[in-house]
Structure formats: structure tokens, C-alpha cells
Amino acid sequence: MLTTIFTCTETMLYFITAMVISRYIFLIPPLRHQLAFVSTAAAGGLALCYFFGRLPAFVFLMCAAACYTYLTGQKRRRRIFRVLLVFPLLGICFGLLLPLVKLPLLLLHPDPAAAARYALVIYAATAVLLLLFCVLGHQWRVNFREEMHYRFLERWEQVFLYLIGILMLGVAAVLHTYDEIDDGDYELLATFSILVLSVVGFTVTLTIIVLILQGNKKAHMQEDLLQMQHNIIITMADIVENRDENTGGHIKRTANYVEIIARTLRDRGRYRSILTPQYLADTVAAAPLHDIGKIHVPDAVLKKQGSLTEEEFAVMQGHTTAGRVLLEHARQTLGDFSYLETAVQMAGCHHERWDGTGYPEGLSGQDIPLCARIMAVADVFDALVSQRCYKGAMTLEEAFSIIRKESGTHFDPIVVDAFLSAREEIERVTEEMREHTGVPAGAPTTDINKEELT
């Protein structure tokens, strides 16, 4: 009976430990019905172990772990390769538990009953630690779930996990093989070799796990810091917008449009070398900051209810250069975060034109940063469909027609194509924002100031 309890306990503990490691070390996301899957697999493995022994249960749980890694993949080809994760995953489990259980037994040679009792004590201690983790680690797990949105294993971490996992699979095989050695001539040499290999493997395994957990913690702290800095700057942008009584809600709407356009470009395979996931995220994060330079525009110009004179328009144009300088200073002060670099480009260049007639530098074509080309379309479209004190809001049809007409002159044709292809989503967002702010659609249109389109 003791042997049966020992075998079932060992099998279940390895499986549960593997599930915990897969989540918090290998960073494998959970299934939608995670608890049901793990409970069903554990119950099946326990039944097989009780009635048929350790090997059928182990094979069943190994298949369950492989199925789990497959189902958590995103693309089919990657899913097939993810199945191979089960080997280093089990190796890490062996690397943590087997040396603790087997080495004292190899060195002390206790009788089978004493060996089983000792192993049960080790497994019970591990089970208690897992239970404490479940009960006391709630806040840590909440933080971990948040950081899983941006935390991923670095290449060196992946390589080390695979190497250590495969190494410990070999150690486990040697340890089990050693149990069957009766030749006294090789006993001392085998014991010494396994002792050294197990200690080294256990130490390296534990070190890699600690490093990855520290990486998770560091990534979480860095994301919190980045979010705090971003929120401060966004608050500054809100303050600037609140000064301009003509553009209420402008930064929120343009940020939505920028996200739609950038995502559509990526999905259509355009500018693939530029639109990496990081660049896309930085572009969306930087979008609300594009007009932050207006903080340097005097109220007499910013709040003027009517057309601007040439001198006043020249002052208004200065918000691009002012925004670039302001954000460049913020980047030097707060740190070299990638979204701030994108914000510098967007603030300084979102009024440049594809044909080179824009400002402040007269850039043209591909010389204009992609983020600024995307913002140019979003900025003008919002100006067209928004009601201001000196003009009414254009209809969506009129606004889309103007954007289409300006393709190749004012705007990047590829960006315009993406914008027009996402028309349905653009219109939905526009209507939702109008309903939220209570702005009527299709109000009478008057002449549009030059600054609205340049």
C-alpha cells in the first residue's frame, strides 16, 4: 500500500510541478478552461497509476502535457514545434526533484520502506510549497498575468532552458539505470559521477529558474515605470488639448485612427520591415502626443475663433518643432524608451507632405517617418469630420473623398489605401466617438482653414 501511495504521489507531483513550471518559467499561456484540463488529466493519470502502475500514468500525463503545449500555440506550424517543449519541461521537473529524492538514497542505501518514506517526505514538502504558493501568491500571480502581455523569453533563456531540460532528462535516465547496477566494481565510480552531475544539474536548473523569475520581475517593474511615465505625458497632452477649445477629443480619436491604419498596414503585409509589433505598439502609444507642441502656442492664436492670418499661421506651424524639442528633452530626461523616439518623429513630422510641400522641413516620400505619415492621414481626417466653432463637420463621404483625392500629394498612397480599406472600422469608431461626445454628424460645412489640411 505504501508503494502504491508513493507511486501515485510521485506521478501527480511531477505533473503539477510541470504545469506550474510551464506557466511561470516557460511562460506558456493558460488554456481557457485551464483548471478543468489539469484536473481531468490529473484524475486520469491517478487512475492509471493506481490500477496499472507508474509507466502508463507517466506516458498519459506526458501526452497531456504535450497536448497542452500544442493547444496554447497560436499558429499551426508553431504548435507542432511547441509539442517539443514537453521534453525540456519534464527535464526541468526532474532536475528539481530527482536529485533531492535519489541522491540520498544512492549514498545511504536504505531499505525500500525507508526509501519510500523519505521520498514521501520530500514530495510532501514540495506539495506544501505548491499549496503555499497557491494560497499566498495571489498578488504575485495577478502581477504575473499583467506582465504576460509583454514578457517573453529571451533567446538565451530559451536556449538554456532547452539545454538544461535535455541534460536533466539524461540525468534522470542515468539515475534510474543506476538503480539496477549490482556490479560492485563500478558502484563507487557511478555514485561519484552521478553525484557530481546531479549537483551541477540541480544548481544550474535552479539558477536558470531564478534568473527567469528575476527577469519577469524586472520586466514588470519596467513596464510599471514606463506606464507611469506615459500617463504623465498623456496628462500633459490632455492639458494642451484642453487649452485648445476647437479640438476637444482630438487626441483620443486620432489615436484610434492611427491604431486602425497601422494594424491594417501590418495585416496587408505593407511596410513589413518597419511595422514590427514593437513599432506598432510605440506608434499607438505615441499618437496622443503629436500635438503636444501646442503648449507653446499663445492663447490668442490657439483659441482664435476664425481664420488665422499668415503671421498667426506661421506661429501655429511652430507647434511641430516645439513638440519635437519638448519630447526630445523628455526622452533625454526620462530614458531612451522607444515610444518616445516615435513620439519625437510623429510630433515633428505629422504636417510633412508626401510631395514635399509640408512643414517644418519640407520632407517628402519615404524620408517622412512612417508613424508621421500614418498620423497625417488620421489628423486631417479628424479635422474634416469634426465640428469646430468656425466650421461644421463634413460628412464621412466627403472626408473619405478628400483623403482619396490627396493620395500621392499630401499623403502616402500606401497609407491611404490601408485607410480606405479599413473604412468600415473607421466609420464605426467615428460614430462611437460622436455618440460619446454628443457631436452631431453631417453638420453644415463651411470653408476649411488652410491649417486643417497642411
Protein backbone atom coordinates (compact mmCIF):
# COMPACT_ATOMS: atom_id res chain seq x y z
CA MET A 1 0.00 0.00 0.00
CA LEU A 2 2.85 2.36 0.87
CA THR A 3 4.42 1.68 -2.52
CA THR A 4 1.14 2.50 -4.31
CA ILE A 5 0.74 5.76 -2.39
CA PHE A 6 4.35 6.64 -3.11
CA THR A 7 3.97 5.94 -6.84
CA CYS A 8 0.71 7.91 -7.19
CA THR A 9 2.07 10.82 -5.18
CA GLU A 10 5.24 10.94 -7.24
CA THR A 11 3.37 10.87 -10.53
CA MET A 12 0.88 13.59 -9.55
CA LEU A 13 3.54 15.84 -8.09
CA TYR A 14 5.66 15.70 -11.24
CA PHE A 15 2.63 16.59 -13.36
CA ILE A 16 1.52 19.50 -11.16
CA THR A 17 5.08 20.80 -10.95
CA ALA A 18 5.33 20.59 -14.74
CA MET A 19 2.14 22.66 -15.11
CA VAL A 20 3.43 25.31 -12.71
CA ILE A 21 6.82 25.47 -14.46
CA SER A 22 5.16 25.66 -17.89
CA ARG A 23 3.27 28.74 -16.77
CA TYR A 24 5.79 30.67 -14.71
CA ILE A 25 9.12 29.56 -16.18
CA PHE A 26 8.37 28.66 -19.81
CA LEU A 27 5.73 31.45 -19.93
CA ILE A 28 3.20 29.22 -21.69
CA PRO A 29 -0.20 30.98 -21.53
CA PRO A 30 -3.10 29.16 -19.86
CA LEU A 31 -5.95 27.48 -21.69
CA ARG A 32 -9.42 28.97 -21.47
CA HIS A 33 -10.53 26.08 -19.25
CA GLN A 34 -7.19 25.58 -17.54
CA LEU A 35 -8.48 24.15 -14.25
CA ALA A 36 -10.77 21.64 -15.97
CA PHE A 37 -7.96 20.44 -18.25
CA VAL A 38 -5.43 19.99 -15.44
CA SER A 39 -7.98 18.34 -13.14
CA THR A 40 -9.11 15.89 -15.83
CA ALA A 41 -5.54 14.98 -16.79
CA ALA A 42 -4.53 14.55 -13.14
CA ALA A 43 -7.55 12.34 -12.41
CA GLY A 44 -6.82 10.19 -15.46
CA GLY A 45 -3.16 9.86 -14.54
CA LEU A 46 -4.01 9.00 -10.95
CA ALA A 47 -6.42 6.25 -12.04
CA LEU A 48 -3.89 4.76 -14.45
CA CYS A 49 -1.18 4.86 -11.82
CA TYR A 50 -3.36 3.14 -9.21
CA PHE A 51 -4.61 0.34 -11.46
CA PHE A 52 -1.80 -0.14 -13.99
CA GLY A 53 1.34 1.36 -12.46
CA ARG A 54 3.68 4.27 -12.95
CA LEU A 55 4.65 3.85 -16.62
CA PRO A 56 1.15 4.05 -18.20
CA ALA A 57 0.33 7.02 -15.95
CA PHE A 58 3.56 8.77 -16.85
CA VAL A 59 3.01 8.24 -20.59
CA PHE A 60 -0.56 9.52 -20.28
CA LEU A 61 0.47 12.67 -18.41
CA MET A 62 3.34 13.29 -20.81
CA CYS A 63 0.83 13.16 -23.68
CA ALA A 64 -1.45 15.51 -21.73
CA ALA A 65 1.42 17.97 -21.28
CA ALA A 66 2.25 17.73 -25.00
CA CYS A 67 -1.41 18.37 -25.84
CA TYR A 68 -1.40 21.37 -23.51
CA THR A 69 1.64 22.95 -25.18
CA TYR A 70 0.07 22.30 -28.60
CA LEU A 71 -3.26 23.91 -27.74
CA THR A 72 -1.64 27.04 -26.33
CA GLY A 73 0.17 27.78 -29.60
CA GLN A 74 -1.14 30.44 -31.98
CA LYS A 75 -0.19 29.17 -35.42
CA ARG A 76 -0.44 25.58 -36.55
CA ARG A 77 3.20 25.25 -37.62
CA ARG A 78 4.39 26.73 -34.34
CA ARG A 79 2.00 24.47 -32.43
CA ILE A 80 3.70 21.39 -33.84
CA PHE A 81 7.11 22.63 -32.69
CA ARG A 82 5.71 23.64 -29.31
CA VAL A 83 4.96 19.98 -28.61
CA LEU A 84 8.72 19.50 -28.27
CA LEU A 85 8.60 21.77 -25.20
CA VAL A 86 7.37 18.77 -23.22
CA PHE A 87 10.91 17.32 -23.15
CA PRO A 88 12.78 20.26 -21.58
CA LEU A 89 9.72 20.86 -19.41
CA LEU A 90 9.90 17.37 -17.92
CA GLY A 91 13.68 17.65 -17.74
CA ILE A 92 13.40 20.77 -15.56
CA CYS A 93 10.98 18.91 -13.27
CA PHE A 94 13.42 16.00 -12.99
CA GLY A 95 16.27 18.44 -12.41
CA LEU A 96 14.48 19.91 -9.41
CA LEU A 97 13.03 16.80 -7.78
CA LEU A 98 15.13 13.77 -8.72
CA PRO A 99 18.41 14.89 -7.11
CA LEU A 100 16.57 15.60 -3.86
CA VAL A 101 14.96 12.17 -3.88
CA LYS A 102 17.58 9.91 -5.43
CA LEU A 103 20.96 11.16 -4.24
CA PRO A 104 20.48 10.45 -0.51
CA LEU A 105 19.17 7.01 -1.40
CA LEU A 106 22.19 6.29 -3.60
CA LEU A 107 24.61 7.40 -0.91
CA LEU A 108 22.93 5.84 2.16
CA HIS A 109 21.44 2.67 0.64
CA PRO A 110 18.39 2.49 2.97
CA ASP A 111 15.91 -0.36 2.81
CA PRO A 112 12.97 0.05 0.35
CA ALA A 113 10.45 1.06 3.04
CA ALA A 114 12.75 3.77 4.43
CA ALA A 115 13.49 4.98 0.90
CA ALA A 116 9.77 5.28 0.14
CA ARG A 117 9.17 7.19 3.39
CA TYR A 118 12.00 9.58 2.66
CA ALA A 119 10.72 10.24 -0.86
CA LEU A 120 7.21 10.83 0.52
CA VAL A 121 8.61 13.42 2.91
CA ILE A 122 10.30 15.25 0.01
CA TYR A 123 7.14 15.11 -2.10
CA ALA A 124 5.00 16.25 0.83
CA ALA A 125 7.32 19.22 1.42
CA THR A 126 7.11 20.12 -2.27
CA ALA A 127 3.32 19.80 -2.18
CA VAL A 128 3.20 22.12 0.84
CA LEU A 129 5.30 24.68 -1.00
CA LEU A 130 2.97 24.50 -4.00
CA LEU A 131 -0.03 24.89 -1.69
CA LEU A 132 1.53 27.93 -0.02
CA PHE A 133 2.20 29.36 -3.48
CA CYS A 134 -1.48 28.92 -4.36
CA VAL A 135 -2.69 30.49 -1.11
CA LEU A 136 -0.15 33.26 -0.50
CA GLY A 137 0.99 34.04 -4.03
CA HIS A 138 -2.27 35.58 -5.27
CA GLN A 139 -0.92 39.10 -5.73
CA TRP A 140 2.23 37.83 -7.39
CA ARG A 141 0.13 35.80 -9.84
CA VAL A 142 -2.05 38.82 -10.58
CA ASN A 143 1.05 40.85 -11.39
CA PHE A 144 2.40 37.98 -13.48
CA ARG A 145 -0.80 37.80 -15.54
CA GLU A 146 -0.43 41.51 -16.29
CA GLU A 147 3.20 41.20 -17.31
CA MET A 148 2.47 38.20 -19.57
CA HIS A 149 1.13 40.72 -22.10
CA TYR A 150 4.66 41.93 -22.81
CA ARG A 151 7.06 39.48 -21.12
CA PHE A 152 8.67 36.81 -23.30
CA LEU A 153 11.68 34.53 -23.03
CA GLU A 154 14.86 35.95 -24.45
CA ARG A 155 16.75 33.76 -26.89
CA TRP A 156 19.45 32.92 -24.33
CA GLU A 157 16.77 31.95 -21.82
CA GLN A 158 15.14 29.61 -24.32
CA VAL A 159 18.48 28.00 -25.20
CA PHE A 160 19.41 27.49 -21.55
CA LEU A 161 16.02 26.01 -20.70
CA TYR A 162 16.27 23.54 -23.56
CA LEU A 163 19.85 22.59 -22.77
CA ILE A 164 19.26 22.16 -19.05
CA GLY A 165 15.98 20.33 -19.65
CA ILE A 166 17.54 17.82 -22.05
CA LEU A 167 20.57 17.42 -19.77
CA MET A 168 18.37 16.61 -16.80
CA LEU A 169 16.41 14.10 -18.85
CA GLY A 170 19.72 12.34 -19.36
CA VAL A 171 20.49 12.57 -15.64
CA ALA A 172 17.10 11.05 -14.84
CA ALA A 173 17.75 8.18 -17.22
CA VAL A 174 21.16 7.54 -15.64
CA LEU A 175 19.72 7.67 -12.11
CA HIS A 176 17.06 5.11 -12.96
CA THR A 177 19.63 2.94 -14.71
CA TYR A 178 21.93 3.08 -11.70
CA ASP A 179 19.22 1.57 -9.52
CA GLU A 180 19.71 -1.67 -11.45
CA ILE A 181 23.54 -1.81 -11.20
CA ASP A 182 24.77 -4.63 -8.93
CA ASP A 183 28.39 -4.69 -10.01
CA GLY A 184 30.45 -3.52 -7.04
CA ASP A 185 33.46 -2.68 -9.21
CA TYR A 186 31.58 0.22 -10.81
CA GLU A 187 29.44 1.24 -7.86
CA LEU A 188 31.81 3.84 -6.37
CA LEU A 189 32.63 5.42 -9.75
CA ALA A 190 28.97 5.52 -10.76
CA THR A 191 27.96 7.04 -7.43
CA PHE A 192 30.59 9.77 -7.66
CA SER A 193 29.74 10.58 -11.31
CA ILE A 194 26.03 10.80 -10.65
CA LEU A 195 26.60 12.86 -7.51
CA VAL A 196 28.62 15.47 -9.42
CA LEU A 197 26.27 15.51 -12.42
CA SER A 198 23.16 15.77 -10.27
CA VAL A 199 24.50 18.56 -8.07
CA VAL A 200 25.68 20.54 -11.10
CA GLY A 201 22.39 19.96 -12.94
CA PHE A 202 20.29 20.90 -9.92
CA THR A 203 22.34 24.06 -9.28
CA VAL A 204 22.21 25.19 -12.89
CA THR A 205 18.49 24.41 -13.15
CA LEU A 206 17.73 26.41 -10.02
CA THR A 207 19.92 29.28 -11.22
CA ILE A 208 18.16 29.49 -14.58
CA ILE A 209 14.76 29.47 -12.88
CA VAL A 210 15.82 32.27 -10.51
CA LEU A 211 17.18 34.33 -13.42
CA ILE A 212 13.96 33.96 -15.39
CA LEU A 213 11.81 34.87 -12.38
CA GLN A 214 14.02 37.90 -11.82
CA GLY A 215 13.59 38.78 -15.48
CA ASN A 216 9.82 38.61 -15.04
CA LYS A 217 10.01 40.88 -12.01
CA LYS A 218 12.30 43.35 -13.76
CA ALA A 219 10.07 43.41 -16.84
CA HIS A 220 7.04 44.07 -14.65
CA MET A 221 8.75 46.91 -12.80
CA GLN A 222 10.00 48.42 -16.04
CA GLU A 223 6.51 48.25 -17.56
CA ASP A 224 5.05 49.94 -14.47
CA LEU A 225 7.65 52.70 -14.76
CA LEU A 226 7.04 53.07 -18.48
CA GLN A 227 3.28 53.22 -17.95
CA MET A 228 3.66 55.83 -15.23
CA GLN A 229 5.85 57.99 -17.46
CA HIS A 230 3.46 57.57 -20.37
CA ASN A 231 0.47 58.53 -18.21
CA ILE A 232 2.25 61.69 -17.06
CA ILE A 233 2.99 62.72 -20.63
CA ILE A 234 -0.55 61.86 -21.76
CA THR A 235 -1.83 64.08 -18.96
CA MET A 236 0.31 66.87 -20.37
CA ALA A 237 -1.23 66.24 -23.80
CA ASP A 238 -4.72 66.44 -22.28
CA ILE A 239 -3.82 69.75 -20.67
CA VAL A 240 -2.64 71.07 -24.03
CA GLU A 241 -5.81 69.89 -25.72
CA ASN A 242 -8.00 71.48 -23.06
CA ARG A 243 -6.33 74.81 -23.90
CA ASP A 244 -7.49 74.45 -27.49
CA GLU A 245 -11.26 74.86 -27.35
CA ASN A 246 -11.54 73.85 -31.01
CA THR A 247 -10.21 70.30 -30.76
CA GLY A 248 -11.97 68.53 -27.90
CA GLY A 249 -11.38 64.75 -28.03
CA HIS A 250 -8.96 65.11 -30.94
CA ILE A 251 -6.10 63.11 -29.42
CA LYS A 252 -8.36 60.18 -28.49
CA ARG A 253 -9.93 59.99 -31.94
CA THR A 254 -6.67 60.28 -33.84
CA ALA A 255 -5.08 57.63 -31.61
CA ASN A 256 -7.91 55.25 -32.57
CA TYR A 257 -7.48 56.03 -36.26
CA VAL A 258 -3.70 55.56 -36.06
CA GLU A 259 -4.13 52.15 -34.46
CA ILE A 260 -6.58 51.04 -37.16
CA ILE A 261 -4.38 52.25 -40.02
CA ALA A 262 -1.18 50.75 -38.60
CA ARG A 263 -2.85 47.42 -37.88
CA THR A 264 -4.34 47.34 -41.39
CA LEU A 265 -0.95 48.04 -42.96
CA ARG A 266 0.56 45.19 -40.96
CA ASP A 267 -2.25 42.78 -41.83
CA ARG A 268 -1.91 43.64 -45.53
CA GLY A 269 1.84 42.99 -45.38
CA ARG A 270 2.82 46.59 -46.20
CA TYR A 271 5.97 48.11 -44.68
CA ARG A 272 6.55 44.76 -43.02
CA SER A 273 10.19 45.51 -42.21
CA ILE A 274 9.16 48.67 -40.30
CA LEU A 275 5.88 47.64 -38.71
CA THR A 276 7.25 45.25 -36.15
CA PRO A 277 5.00 44.54 -33.13
CA GLN A 278 7.13 46.93 -31.07
CA TYR A 279 6.94 49.70 -33.67
CA LEU A 280 3.18 49.30 -33.94
CA ALA A 281 2.78 49.48 -30.16
CA ASP A 282 5.08 52.52 -29.99
CA THR A 283 3.13 54.28 -32.75
CA VAL A 284 -0.18 53.80 -30.96
CA ALA A 285 1.33 54.90 -27.63
CA ALA A 286 2.92 57.99 -29.20
CA ALA A 287 -0.16 59.13 -31.15
CA PRO A 288 -1.72 61.22 -28.34
CA LEU A 289 1.49 63.26 -28.13
CA HIS A 290 1.58 64.51 -31.71
CA ASP A 291 0.20 67.99 -30.88
CA ILE A 292 1.94 68.46 -27.54
CA GLY A 293 3.95 71.34 -29.03
CA LYS A 294 0.81 73.49 -28.99
CA ILE A 295 1.61 74.19 -25.36
CA HIS A 296 4.00 76.85 -26.74
CA VAL A 297 1.35 78.44 -29.00
CA PRO A 298 -0.13 81.63 -27.46
CA ASP A 299 -3.81 81.56 -26.49
CA ALA A 300 -4.53 84.43 -28.86
CA VAL A 301 -3.61 82.16 -31.78
CA LEU A 302 -4.66 78.78 -30.38
CA LYS A 303 -8.14 79.91 -29.30
CA LYS A 304 -8.85 82.30 -32.15
CA GLN A 305 -12.37 81.74 -33.46
CA GLY A 306 -11.82 82.39 -37.10
CA SER A 307 -9.25 82.15 -39.86
CA LEU A 308 -5.62 82.76 -38.99
CA THR A 309 -3.52 85.45 -40.60
CA GLU A 310 -0.27 84.44 -42.28
CA GLU A 311 1.70 85.56 -39.24
CA GLU A 312 -0.59 83.64 -36.90
CA PHE A 313 -0.43 80.56 -39.10
CA ALA A 314 3.38 80.71 -39.00
CA VAL A 315 3.16 80.73 -35.20
CA MET A 316 0.79 77.75 -35.31
CA GLN A 317 3.20 75.88 -37.57
CA GLY A 318 5.83 76.19 -34.86
CA HIS A 319 4.00 73.60 -32.73
CA THR A 320 5.70 70.81 -34.72
CA THR A 321 9.22 71.99 -33.94
CA ALA A 322 8.24 72.84 -30.35
CA GLY A 323 6.74 69.37 -29.86
CA ARG A 324 9.85 67.69 -31.22
CA VAL A 325 12.12 69.68 -28.89
CA LEU A 326 9.86 69.06 -25.89
CA LEU A 327 9.68 65.30 -26.45
CA GLU A 328 13.39 65.06 -27.21
CA HIS A 329 14.06 66.68 -23.87
CA ALA A 330 11.63 64.25 -22.20
CA ARG A 331 13.44 61.34 -23.86
CA GLN A 332 16.78 62.52 -22.52
CA THR A 333 15.35 63.07 -19.05
CA LEU A 334 13.10 60.02 -18.65
CA GLY A 335 15.17 57.48 -20.55
CA ASP A 336 15.59 56.19 -24.08
CA PHE A 337 12.20 54.50 -24.37
CA SER A 338 11.31 53.51 -27.93
CA TYR A 339 7.82 55.06 -27.88
CA LEU A 340 9.35 58.47 -27.03
CA GLU A 341 11.57 58.26 -30.12
CA THR A 342 8.46 57.53 -32.17
CA ALA A 343 6.67 60.43 -30.48
CA VAL A 344 9.54 62.78 -31.42
CA GLN A 345 9.21 61.76 -35.07
CA MET A 346 5.43 61.98 -35.05
CA ALA A 347 5.27 65.39 -33.36
CA GLY A 348 7.89 66.89 -35.66
CA CYS A 349 6.77 65.42 -38.99
CA HIS A 350 2.99 64.88 -38.94
CA HIS A 351 2.48 68.00 -41.09
CA GLU A 352 5.03 66.99 -43.72
CA ARG A 353 3.50 66.14 -47.11
CA TRP A 354 4.27 63.26 -49.45
CA ASP A 355 5.07 65.71 -52.28
CA GLY A 356 7.49 67.73 -50.13
CA THR A 357 5.36 70.88 -49.70
CA GLY A 358 4.70 70.39 -45.99
CA TYR A 359 6.45 71.76 -42.94
CA PRO A 360 8.64 72.24 -40.94
CA GLU A 361 11.44 70.67 -43.05
CA GLY A 362 9.77 70.00 -46.41
CA LEU A 363 10.44 66.27 -46.26
CA SER A 364 8.94 64.08 -48.97
CA GLY A 365 8.13 60.46 -49.68
CA GLN A 366 9.93 57.80 -47.68
CA ASP A 367 12.02 60.44 -45.91
CA ILE A 368 8.99 61.15 -43.74
CA PRO A 369 8.85 58.63 -40.85
CA LEU A 370 6.08 56.07 -41.32
CA CYS A 371 4.49 56.94 -37.97
CA ALA A 372 4.14 60.57 -39.13
CA ARG A 373 2.67 59.52 -42.48
CA ILE A 374 0.04 57.48 -40.63
CA MET A 375 -0.70 60.35 -38.26
CA ALA A 376 -1.04 62.79 -41.19
CA VAL A 377 -4.00 60.84 -42.57
CA ALA A 378 -5.59 60.39 -39.13
CA ASP A 379 -5.06 64.06 -38.23
CA VAL A 380 -6.60 65.51 -41.38
CA PHE A 381 -9.50 63.06 -41.41
CA ASP A 382 -10.41 64.00 -37.84
CA ALA A 383 -10.19 67.70 -38.70
CA LEU A 384 -12.57 67.16 -41.61
CA VAL A 385 -15.24 65.20 -39.76
CA SER A 386 -15.10 67.26 -36.55
CA GLN A 387 -17.23 70.28 -35.85
CA ARG A 388 -15.40 73.43 -34.84
CA CYS A 389 -16.66 76.82 -33.81
CA TYR A 390 -15.60 78.23 -37.20
CA LYS A 391 -16.84 75.35 -39.38
CA GLY A 392 -19.22 72.46 -39.45
CA ALA A 393 -18.34 68.79 -39.68
CA MET A 394 -18.04 67.25 -43.09
CA THR A 395 -19.94 64.08 -43.86
CA LEU A 396 -17.92 60.89 -43.83
CA GLU A 397 -18.35 60.52 -47.57
CA GLU A 398 -16.89 63.98 -48.20
CA ALA A 399 -13.98 63.34 -45.82
CA PHE A 400 -13.10 59.99 -47.39
CA SER A 401 -13.29 61.61 -50.82
CA ILE A 402 -10.79 64.31 -49.84
CA ILE A 403 -8.38 61.77 -48.33
CA ARG A 404 -8.59 59.73 -51.53
CA LYS A 405 -8.01 62.82 -53.67
CA GLU A 406 -4.94 63.83 -51.65
CA SER A 407 -3.29 60.40 -52.06
CA GLY A 408 0.11 60.83 -53.67
CA THR A 409 0.25 64.57 -52.99
CA HIS A 410 -0.48 65.17 -49.32
CA PHE A 411 -0.48 61.53 -48.16
CA ASP A 412 1.47 58.31 -48.69
CA PRO A 413 -0.62 56.31 -51.23
CA ILE A 414 0.01 53.03 -49.39
CA VAL A 415 -1.20 54.51 -46.10
CA VAL A 416 -4.29 55.93 -47.84
CA ASP A 417 -5.06 52.52 -49.36
CA ALA A 418 -4.92 50.96 -45.89
CA PHE A 419 -7.10 53.76 -44.51
CA LEU A 420 -9.72 53.32 -47.21
CA SER A 421 -9.70 49.52 -46.89
CA ALA A 422 -10.47 49.93 -43.18
CA ARG A 423 -13.32 52.35 -43.91
CA GLU A 424 -15.97 50.30 -42.15
CA GLU A 425 -13.97 50.21 -38.92
CA ILE A 426 -13.05 53.90 -39.23
CA GLU A 427 -16.71 54.84 -39.63
CA ARG A 428 -17.72 52.72 -36.67
CA VAL A 429 -15.13 54.37 -34.41
CA THR A 430 -16.13 57.84 -35.67
CA GLU A 431 -19.79 57.25 -34.90
CA GLU A 432 -19.00 55.83 -31.48
CA MET A 433 -16.91 58.87 -30.61
CA ARG A 434 -19.67 61.18 -31.84
CA GLU A 435 -22.23 59.40 -29.70
CA HIS A 436 -19.91 59.62 -26.70
CA THR A 437 -19.30 63.37 -27.12
CA GLY A 438 -22.75 64.25 -28.39
CA VAL A 439 -21.41 65.90 -31.57
CA PRO A 440 -23.95 65.78 -34.42
CA ALA A 441 -22.93 64.12 -37.66
CA GLY A 442 -23.10 65.85 -41.01
CA ALA A 443 -23.44 69.39 -39.72
CA PRO A 444 -23.29 72.14 -42.37
CA THR A 445 -19.83 72.52 -43.84
CA THR A 446 -18.13 75.87 -44.33
CA ASP A 447 -14.75 76.72 -45.80
CA ILE A 448 -11.89 74.91 -44.13
CA ASN A 449 -8.88 76.81 -42.86
CA LYS A 450 -5.62 76.11 -44.62
CA GLU A 451 -4.14 74.80 -41.37
CA GLU A 452 -6.69 71.97 -41.29
CA LEU A 453 -5.13 70.33 -44.34
CA THR A 454 -1.47 71.35 -44.06
